[in-house]
Amino acid sequence: MEQKNYNNGTFIDLFAGIGGFRLAFNNEGFKCVFSSEINKHCQEVYFNNYNELPYGDITQINPKDIPDFDILTGGFPCQPFSICGRRKGFEDTRGTLFFNICNIIKEKQPKVIVLENVKHLIHHDKGNTFKVIIESLEDLGYNAQYKILNAKDFGVPQNRERIIIIATKYGIFDFKKLCYNLHPPKVKDILDKNIENVQYLEKNEYTLLKDIRIQESGLLFVGYRNKGIWKKGIRPNTEHLSRVHRQPNRIYSIEGIHPTIPSQETSGRFFIYIPEVDKVRKLTINECYKLMGFPNEFKKSSVIGEAYKQIGNSVCVPLIQEIARQIKIQGLLEESDEPQRKVIRTIQQSLFAQVG
């Protein structure tokens, strides 16, 4: 991909996947000095786009061997912690991959940490996981802030909620300063113009609903694929709500936004309804990548199943790019003599804050 002038600071890309964090931070002028990703297929895509082969297993990385950097980024796996009943900070994370992140933070003392995960991280292991993550970052000397953000608010037509944790040594990240897109595009705005070999459904392969209302999220659920279902005990006119008619069998109109692209769907069974031609077709793999804010020139895996899985595991590039931009604007890379303000929350307070 095209090289830019990287003069705004440095970062490392942990659990890098195909490089969504890297793309976003590169776009804002930050330079990546180290990357780590254990999946061989993702490593290949990463190399093809950034001419760098990520280091493999994070548990085998000696933090002393990592170059100095300003920002640590990563979409880390969610693992339960063993908590013995009293606050131990990052010691409670031993045996998990988050412990390896903490070791790198302890050794390298970055100025900013940006972590991304599914929004249900807050409830994982009855709230213990999230509680220990926040306490660990605070014990390491950081101000930890967090918020659930939605990709649709950052310029892509996808309803994708993820929790973002930002920990800082100097100052406090202010989520209220993020620039939101109050009028997200619709799916029709990102569709490929000239497509070939795309799968269309025959009329007898799907059913359109009569009562169609756009949801508060922006989703416009208009029908479902006609799959054999277990009908015993199903109330009349609710067949489309049966388990087998949930994703990936639902059909959404291009006049709304798209539901979350999942990592489990390796066949790309994402079907859209195009009203002007009264047809239903699959999204192309390129359209799936555009739903995450990746550019057309991004080099995807040649294995189609891997390409679908990889984009479902990635991050929304415009969302992460806005965070990178705000890190610069809010001056969080500038050292300050102002005493740290450590905000200690209980997990109950965390839950109430996120629901709001």
Protein backbone atom coordinates (compact mmCIF):
# COMPACT_ATOMS: atom_id res chain seq x y z
CA MET A 1 0.00 0.00 0.00
CA GLU A 2 1.05 3.62 -0.49
CA GLN A 3 3.61 4.88 2.01
CA LYS A 4 2.88 8.09 3.92
CA ASN A 5 4.91 10.50 6.05
CA TYR A 6 4.96 9.00 9.52
CA ASN A 7 5.98 11.79 11.88
CA ASN A 8 3.31 11.92 14.60
CA GLY A 9 4.64 9.18 16.85
CA THR A 10 5.17 5.42 16.95
CA PHE A 11 3.01 2.44 17.84
CA ILE A 12 3.06 -1.33 18.03
CA ASP A 13 0.36 -3.55 16.55
CA LEU A 14 -0.45 -6.53 18.81
CA PHE A 15 -2.96 -9.26 17.84
CA ALA A 16 -2.65 -7.47 14.53
CA GLY A 17 -4.91 -9.63 12.36
CA ILE A 18 -4.80 -8.17 8.85
CA GLY A 19 -3.73 -4.74 10.07
CA GLY A 20 -6.87 -2.69 10.67
CA PHE A 21 -5.21 -0.80 13.53
CA ARG A 22 -2.10 -0.28 11.43
CA LEU A 23 -4.04 1.10 8.50
CA ALA A 24 -5.92 3.54 10.74
CA PHE A 25 -2.87 4.80 12.64
CA ASN A 26 -0.77 4.98 9.46
CA ASN A 27 -3.47 7.18 7.92
CA GLU A 28 -2.96 9.63 10.80
CA GLY A 29 0.81 9.74 10.40
CA PHE A 30 1.88 7.26 13.08
CA LYS A 31 4.68 4.80 12.37
CA CYS A 32 4.43 1.12 13.28
CA VAL A 33 7.69 -0.21 14.77
CA PHE A 34 6.58 -3.73 15.74
CA SER A 35 3.71 -6.14 15.00
CA SER A 36 2.58 -9.50 16.33
CA GLU A 37 0.03 -11.97 14.93
CA ILE A 38 0.05 -15.75 15.40
CA ASN A 39 -2.31 -16.75 12.55
CA LYS A 40 -0.32 -17.70 9.44
CA HIS A 41 -3.08 -16.68 7.01
CA CYS A 42 -3.32 -13.23 8.61
CA GLN A 43 0.47 -12.93 8.60
CA GLU A 44 0.45 -13.47 4.85
CA VAL A 45 -2.15 -10.76 4.23
CA TYR A 46 -0.32 -8.41 6.61
CA PHE A 47 2.94 -8.93 4.73
CA ASN A 48 1.28 -8.41 1.33
CA ASN A 49 -0.08 -5.03 2.45
CA TYR A 50 2.66 -3.68 4.73
CA ASN A 51 5.76 -5.55 3.54
CA GLU A 52 6.32 -6.75 7.11
CA LEU A 53 5.89 -10.24 8.55
CA PRO A 54 4.46 -9.95 12.08
CA TYR A 55 6.15 -11.71 14.96
CA GLY A 56 4.22 -14.86 15.90
CA ASP A 57 3.31 -16.02 19.40
CA ILE A 58 3.03 -13.07 21.80
CA THR A 59 3.82 -15.35 24.75
CA GLN A 60 7.30 -15.86 23.29
CA ILE A 61 8.08 -12.14 22.96
CA ASN A 62 10.64 -10.65 25.33
CA PRO A 63 9.38 -7.10 25.95
CA LYS A 64 12.99 -5.88 26.12
CA ASP A 65 13.39 -6.84 22.45
CA ILE A 66 10.56 -4.54 21.30
CA PRO A 67 11.67 -1.11 20.05
CA ASP A 68 10.55 1.88 22.11
CA PHE A 69 7.14 3.21 21.09
CA ASP A 70 4.48 5.73 22.08
CA ILE A 71 1.23 3.79 21.63
CA LEU A 72 0.27 0.15 22.18
CA THR A 73 -2.70 -1.08 20.13
CA GLY A 74 -4.45 -4.42 20.04
CA GLY A 75 -7.73 -6.28 19.65
CA PHE A 76 -6.90 -8.87 22.30
CA PRO A 77 -8.69 -12.21 22.91
CA CYS A 78 -11.16 -12.39 25.78
CA GLN A 79 -10.10 -14.85 28.49
CA PRO A 80 -11.40 -15.35 32.06
CA PHE A 81 -9.10 -14.48 34.95
CA SER A 82 -8.70 -16.29 38.25
CA ILE A 83 -9.49 -13.82 41.01
CA CYS A 84 -8.69 -14.80 44.58
CA GLY A 85 -10.94 -12.27 46.28
CA ARG A 86 -8.61 -9.32 46.66
CA ARG A 87 -7.22 -6.75 44.24
CA LYS A 88 -3.91 -7.91 42.78
CA GLY A 89 -3.80 -5.85 39.59
CA PHE A 90 -2.17 -7.49 36.62
CA GLU A 91 -0.93 -10.39 38.80
CA ASP A 92 -4.48 -11.73 38.49
CA THR A 93 -4.00 -12.03 34.74
CA ARG A 94 -1.26 -14.67 34.84
CA GLY A 95 -1.84 -17.44 32.33
CA THR A 96 -3.77 -15.19 29.93
CA LEU A 97 -2.71 -13.25 26.88
CA PHE A 98 -3.64 -10.00 28.62
CA PHE A 99 -0.82 -10.75 31.07
CA ASN A 100 1.60 -10.56 28.14
CA ILE A 101 0.19 -7.15 27.22
CA CYS A 102 0.71 -6.02 30.81
CA ASN A 103 4.31 -7.23 30.79
CA ILE A 104 5.01 -5.21 27.65
CA ILE A 105 3.35 -2.14 29.19
CA LYS A 106 5.34 -2.56 32.42
CA GLU A 107 8.63 -2.82 30.56
CA LYS A 108 8.13 -0.23 27.79
CA GLN A 109 5.88 2.34 29.54
CA PRO A 110 4.00 3.60 26.45
CA LYS A 111 2.20 6.92 26.69
CA VAL A 112 -1.12 5.57 25.37
CA ILE A 113 -2.78 2.15 25.19
CA VAL A 114 -5.68 1.46 22.80
CA LEU A 115 -7.53 -1.85 23.17
CA GLU A 116 -10.59 -3.14 21.31
CA ASN A 117 -12.96 -6.00 22.08
CA VAL A 118 -16.55 -7.17 21.74
CA LYS A 119 -18.98 -5.17 23.84
CA HIS A 120 -19.87 -8.24 25.91
CA LEU A 121 -16.40 -8.12 27.43
CA ILE A 122 -18.06 -6.14 30.23
CA HIS A 123 -20.17 -9.17 31.18
CA HIS A 124 -17.51 -11.83 30.53
CA ASP A 125 -16.97 -14.17 33.49
CA LYS A 126 -19.66 -12.29 35.46
CA GLY A 127 -17.78 -9.01 35.07
CA ASN A 128 -14.52 -10.24 36.58
CA THR A 129 -12.58 -10.06 33.32
CA PHE A 130 -13.35 -6.40 32.65
CA LYS A 131 -12.82 -5.45 36.29
CA VAL A 132 -9.33 -6.91 36.33
CA ILE A 133 -8.43 -5.33 32.97
CA ILE A 134 -9.26 -1.83 34.22
CA GLU A 135 -7.60 -2.40 37.61
CA SER A 136 -4.49 -3.81 35.93
CA LEU A 137 -4.07 -0.76 33.72
CA GLU A 138 -4.57 1.53 36.69
CA ASP A 139 -2.07 -0.39 38.81
CA LEU A 140 0.47 0.03 36.04
CA GLY A 141 0.08 3.81 36.36
CA TYR A 142 -2.52 4.63 33.71
CA ASN A 143 -5.84 6.47 33.55
CA ALA A 144 -8.21 3.97 31.94
CA GLN A 145 -11.30 5.22 30.08
CA TYR A 146 -13.68 3.12 28.01
CA LYS A 147 -16.79 3.39 25.89
CA ILE A 148 -18.87 1.23 23.56
CA LEU A 149 -18.66 2.72 20.07
CA ASN A 150 -20.60 1.82 16.94
CA ALA A 151 -19.03 1.64 13.48
CA LYS A 152 -22.13 3.26 11.93
CA ASP A 153 -21.26 6.49 13.75
CA PHE A 154 -17.94 6.76 11.92
CA GLY A 155 -18.90 6.70 8.27
CA VAL A 156 -19.61 3.07 7.42
CA PRO A 157 -23.09 1.50 7.01
CA GLN A 158 -22.60 -1.28 9.56
CA ASN A 159 -24.19 -1.71 13.00
CA ARG A 160 -21.09 -2.94 14.85
CA GLU A 161 -20.66 -2.20 18.55
CA ARG A 162 -17.25 -2.68 20.15
CA ILE A 163 -15.78 -1.60 23.46
CA ILE A 164 -12.74 0.65 23.21
CA ILE A 165 -10.41 1.00 26.20
CA ILE A 166 -7.93 3.88 26.16
CA ALA A 167 -5.35 4.16 28.94
CA THR A 168 -3.06 7.17 29.19
CA LYS A 169 -0.03 8.18 31.27
CA TYR A 170 -0.51 11.91 30.71
CA GLY A 171 -3.98 13.41 30.79
CA ILE A 172 -7.24 11.56 30.23
CA PHE A 173 -8.78 10.60 26.91
CA ASP A 174 -12.09 12.40 26.39
CA PHE A 175 -14.54 10.28 24.35
CA LYS A 176 -16.91 13.25 24.18
CA LYS A 177 -14.55 14.94 21.72
CA LEU A 178 -14.86 12.23 19.10
CA CYS A 179 -16.36 13.45 15.82
CA TYR A 180 -19.41 11.36 15.06
CA ASN A 181 -21.12 11.02 11.69
CA LEU A 182 -24.74 11.81 12.51
CA HIS A 183 -25.94 10.69 9.07
CA PRO A 184 -24.32 7.33 8.28
CA PRO A 185 -24.28 6.14 4.68
CA LYS A 186 -26.55 3.34 3.54
CA VAL A 187 -25.49 -0.02 2.16
CA LYS A 188 -26.34 1.17 -1.34
CA ASP A 189 -23.62 3.81 -1.05
CA ILE A 190 -20.80 1.24 -0.87
CA LEU A 191 -21.99 -1.29 -3.45
CA ASP A 192 -19.64 -2.31 -6.25
CA LYS A 193 -20.66 -0.88 -9.62
CA ASN A 194 -19.52 -3.55 -12.04
CA ILE A 195 -19.84 -7.00 -10.53
CA GLU A 196 -19.53 -10.43 -12.09
CA ASN A 197 -20.34 -13.93 -10.88
CA VAL A 198 -22.30 -12.67 -7.87
CA GLN A 199 -24.97 -14.99 -6.45
CA TYR A 200 -28.58 -13.92 -6.92
CA LEU A 201 -31.45 -15.79 -5.26
CA GLU A 202 -34.41 -17.06 -7.27
CA LYS A 203 -37.85 -15.82 -6.22
CA ASN A 204 -38.73 -19.18 -4.66
CA GLU A 205 -35.60 -19.08 -2.49
CA TYR A 206 -36.68 -16.19 -0.28
CA THR A 207 -39.71 -14.50 1.28
CA LEU A 208 -40.15 -10.75 1.67
CA LEU A 209 -41.99 -9.40 4.69
CA LYS A 210 -45.15 -7.34 4.29
CA ASP A 211 -44.69 -5.15 7.36
CA ILE A 212 -41.30 -3.46 7.04
CA ARG A 213 -40.05 -0.85 9.49
CA ILE A 214 -36.58 0.54 9.79
CA GLN A 215 -35.12 -0.26 13.19
CA GLU A 216 -33.69 2.34 15.53
CA SER A 217 -30.24 0.98 14.73
CA GLY A 218 -30.75 1.75 11.04
CA LEU A 219 -31.22 -1.89 10.03
CA LEU A 220 -33.97 -2.59 7.51
CA PHE A 221 -34.86 -6.28 7.83
CA VAL A 222 -37.02 -7.12 4.81
CA GLY A 223 -37.06 -10.90 4.44
CA TYR A 224 -35.44 -14.27 4.89
CA ARG A 225 -34.18 -17.16 2.86
CA ASN A 226 -36.59 -20.10 2.61
CA LYS A 227 -34.85 -22.77 4.62
CA GLY A 228 -36.47 -25.88 6.05
CA ILE A 229 -37.40 -25.19 9.65
CA TRP A 230 -38.86 -26.98 12.64
CA LYS A 231 -42.46 -25.78 12.58
CA LYS A 232 -43.94 -27.63 15.56
CA GLY A 233 -44.95 -25.15 18.23
CA ILE A 234 -44.26 -22.12 16.02
CA ARG A 235 -46.98 -19.47 16.28
CA PRO A 236 -48.64 -18.36 13.03
CA ASN A 237 -46.81 -15.59 11.16
CA THR A 238 -43.65 -15.98 13.28
CA GLU A 239 -41.89 -18.55 11.13
CA HIS A 240 -39.29 -15.99 10.09
CA LEU A 241 -38.27 -15.60 13.74
CA SER A 242 -37.29 -19.26 14.00
CA ARG A 243 -33.69 -19.95 14.95
CA VAL A 244 -32.65 -20.99 11.45
CA HIS A 245 -33.96 -17.72 10.02
CA ARG A 246 -31.59 -15.64 12.09
CA GLN A 247 -28.19 -14.70 10.66
CA PRO A 248 -27.07 -15.69 8.11
CA ASN A 249 -30.54 -16.28 6.64
CA ARG A 250 -31.94 -12.79 7.10
CA ILE A 251 -32.12 -10.35 4.21
CA TYR A 252 -31.57 -6.61 4.66
CA SER A 253 -32.44 -3.78 2.31
CA ILE A 254 -29.68 -1.62 0.85
CA GLU A 255 -31.78 1.39 1.95
CA GLY A 256 -30.63 0.76 5.52
CA ILE A 257 -27.37 -0.30 7.13
CA HIS A 258 -25.94 -3.80 7.51
CA PRO A 259 -25.72 -5.90 10.68
CA THR A 260 -22.35 -6.83 12.19
CA ILE A 261 -20.04 -8.77 9.88
CA PRO A 262 -19.18 -11.83 12.04
CA SER A 263 -15.93 -13.78 12.05
CA GLN A 264 -17.73 -17.15 12.12
CA GLU A 265 -19.26 -16.75 8.67
CA THR A 266 -16.71 -18.14 6.21
CA SER A 267 -19.15 -18.58 3.31
CA GLY A 268 -20.14 -14.95 3.02
CA ARG A 269 -23.87 -15.59 3.35
CA PHE A 270 -24.75 -11.91 3.59
CA PHE A 271 -27.79 -11.23 1.39
CA ILE A 272 -29.13 -7.82 0.45
CA TYR A 273 -32.38 -6.71 -1.19
CA ILE A 274 -32.16 -4.18 -4.02
CA PRO A 275 -35.61 -2.53 -4.31
CA GLU A 276 -35.14 -0.82 -7.68
CA VAL A 277 -34.62 -4.17 -9.42
CA ASP A 278 -36.58 -6.27 -6.90
CA LYS A 279 -33.71 -8.76 -6.49
CA VAL A 280 -31.76 -10.38 -3.66
CA ARG A 281 -28.04 -11.07 -3.94
CA LYS A 282 -24.99 -11.76 -1.82
CA LEU A 283 -22.63 -9.02 -0.82
CA THR A 284 -19.33 -9.32 -2.64
CA ILE A 285 -16.19 -9.88 -0.58
CA ASN A 286 -15.03 -6.40 -1.60
CA GLU A 287 -18.27 -4.89 -0.28
CA CYS A 288 -17.73 -6.65 3.04
CA TYR A 289 -14.32 -4.99 3.33
CA LYS A 290 -15.81 -1.61 2.46
CA LEU A 291 -18.33 -2.10 5.30
CA MET A 292 -15.28 -2.06 7.59
CA GLY A 293 -13.70 0.96 5.94
CA PHE A 294 -10.92 -0.87 4.08
CA PRO A 295 -9.87 0.67 0.74
CA ASN A 296 -10.40 -1.05 -2.60
CA GLU A 297 -6.65 -1.55 -3.06
CA PHE A 298 -6.32 -3.62 0.11
CA LYS A 299 -4.88 -7.04 -0.79
CA LYS A 300 -7.16 -9.76 0.57
CA SER A 301 -6.45 -13.42 1.21
CA SER A 302 -6.68 -15.59 -1.89
CA VAL A 303 -8.57 -18.16 0.24
CA ILE A 304 -12.13 -16.80 0.20
CA GLY A 305 -13.14 -18.43 3.48
CA GLU A 306 -10.13 -16.87 5.20
CA ALA A 307 -10.93 -13.48 3.67
CA TYR A 308 -14.45 -13.54 5.14
CA LYS A 309 -13.20 -14.68 8.55
CA GLN A 310 -10.43 -12.10 8.62
CA ILE A 311 -12.67 -9.13 7.90
CA GLY A 312 -15.12 -10.30 10.56
CA ASN A 313 -12.26 -10.34 13.06
CA SER A 314 -10.91 -6.94 12.08
CA VAL A 315 -11.67 -3.44 13.34
CA CYS A 316 -13.62 -0.61 11.74
CA VAL A 317 -10.82 1.47 10.23
CA PRO A 318 -12.55 4.92 10.31
CA LEU A 319 -13.51 4.42 13.97
CA ILE A 320 -9.92 3.59 14.99
CA GLN A 321 -8.60 6.40 12.79
CA GLU A 322 -10.76 8.93 14.64
CA ILE A 323 -9.30 7.68 17.92
CA ALA A 324 -5.78 8.07 16.52
CA ARG A 325 -6.65 11.60 15.41
CA GLN A 326 -8.00 12.49 18.84
CA ILE A 327 -4.86 11.15 20.55
CA LYS A 328 -2.96 13.83 18.63
CA ILE A 329 -5.52 16.59 19.13
CA GLN A 330 -5.90 15.95 22.86
CA GLY A 331 -2.12 16.08 23.36
CA LEU A 332 -1.90 12.68 25.03
CA LEU A 333 1.63 12.04 23.77
CA GLU A 334 2.96 15.12 25.54
CA GLU A 335 4.56 14.51 28.92
CA SER A 336 3.08 16.46 31.80
CA ASP A 337 4.05 17.08 35.42
CA GLU A 338 0.39 17.14 36.40
CA PRO A 339 -0.33 14.33 38.91
CA GLN A 340 -2.17 11.35 37.54
CA ARG A 341 -5.86 11.16 38.39
CA LYS A 342 -6.65 7.50 38.91
CA VAL A 343 -10.34 6.73 38.69
CA ILE A 344 -11.19 3.43 40.39
CA ARG A 345 -14.56 2.00 39.37
CA THR A 346 -16.52 -0.96 40.60
CA ILE A 347 -17.84 -3.28 37.91
CA GLN A 348 -21.39 -2.20 38.80
CA GLN A 349 -20.51 1.42 37.99
CA SER A 350 -18.94 0.28 34.74
CA LEU A 351 -22.09 -1.52 33.69
CA PHE A 352 -24.34 1.46 34.43
CA ALA A 353 -22.01 3.77 32.49
CA GLN A 354 -22.04 1.54 29.41
CA VAL A 355 -25.79 1.01 29.39
CA GLY A 356 -26.15 4.79 29.26
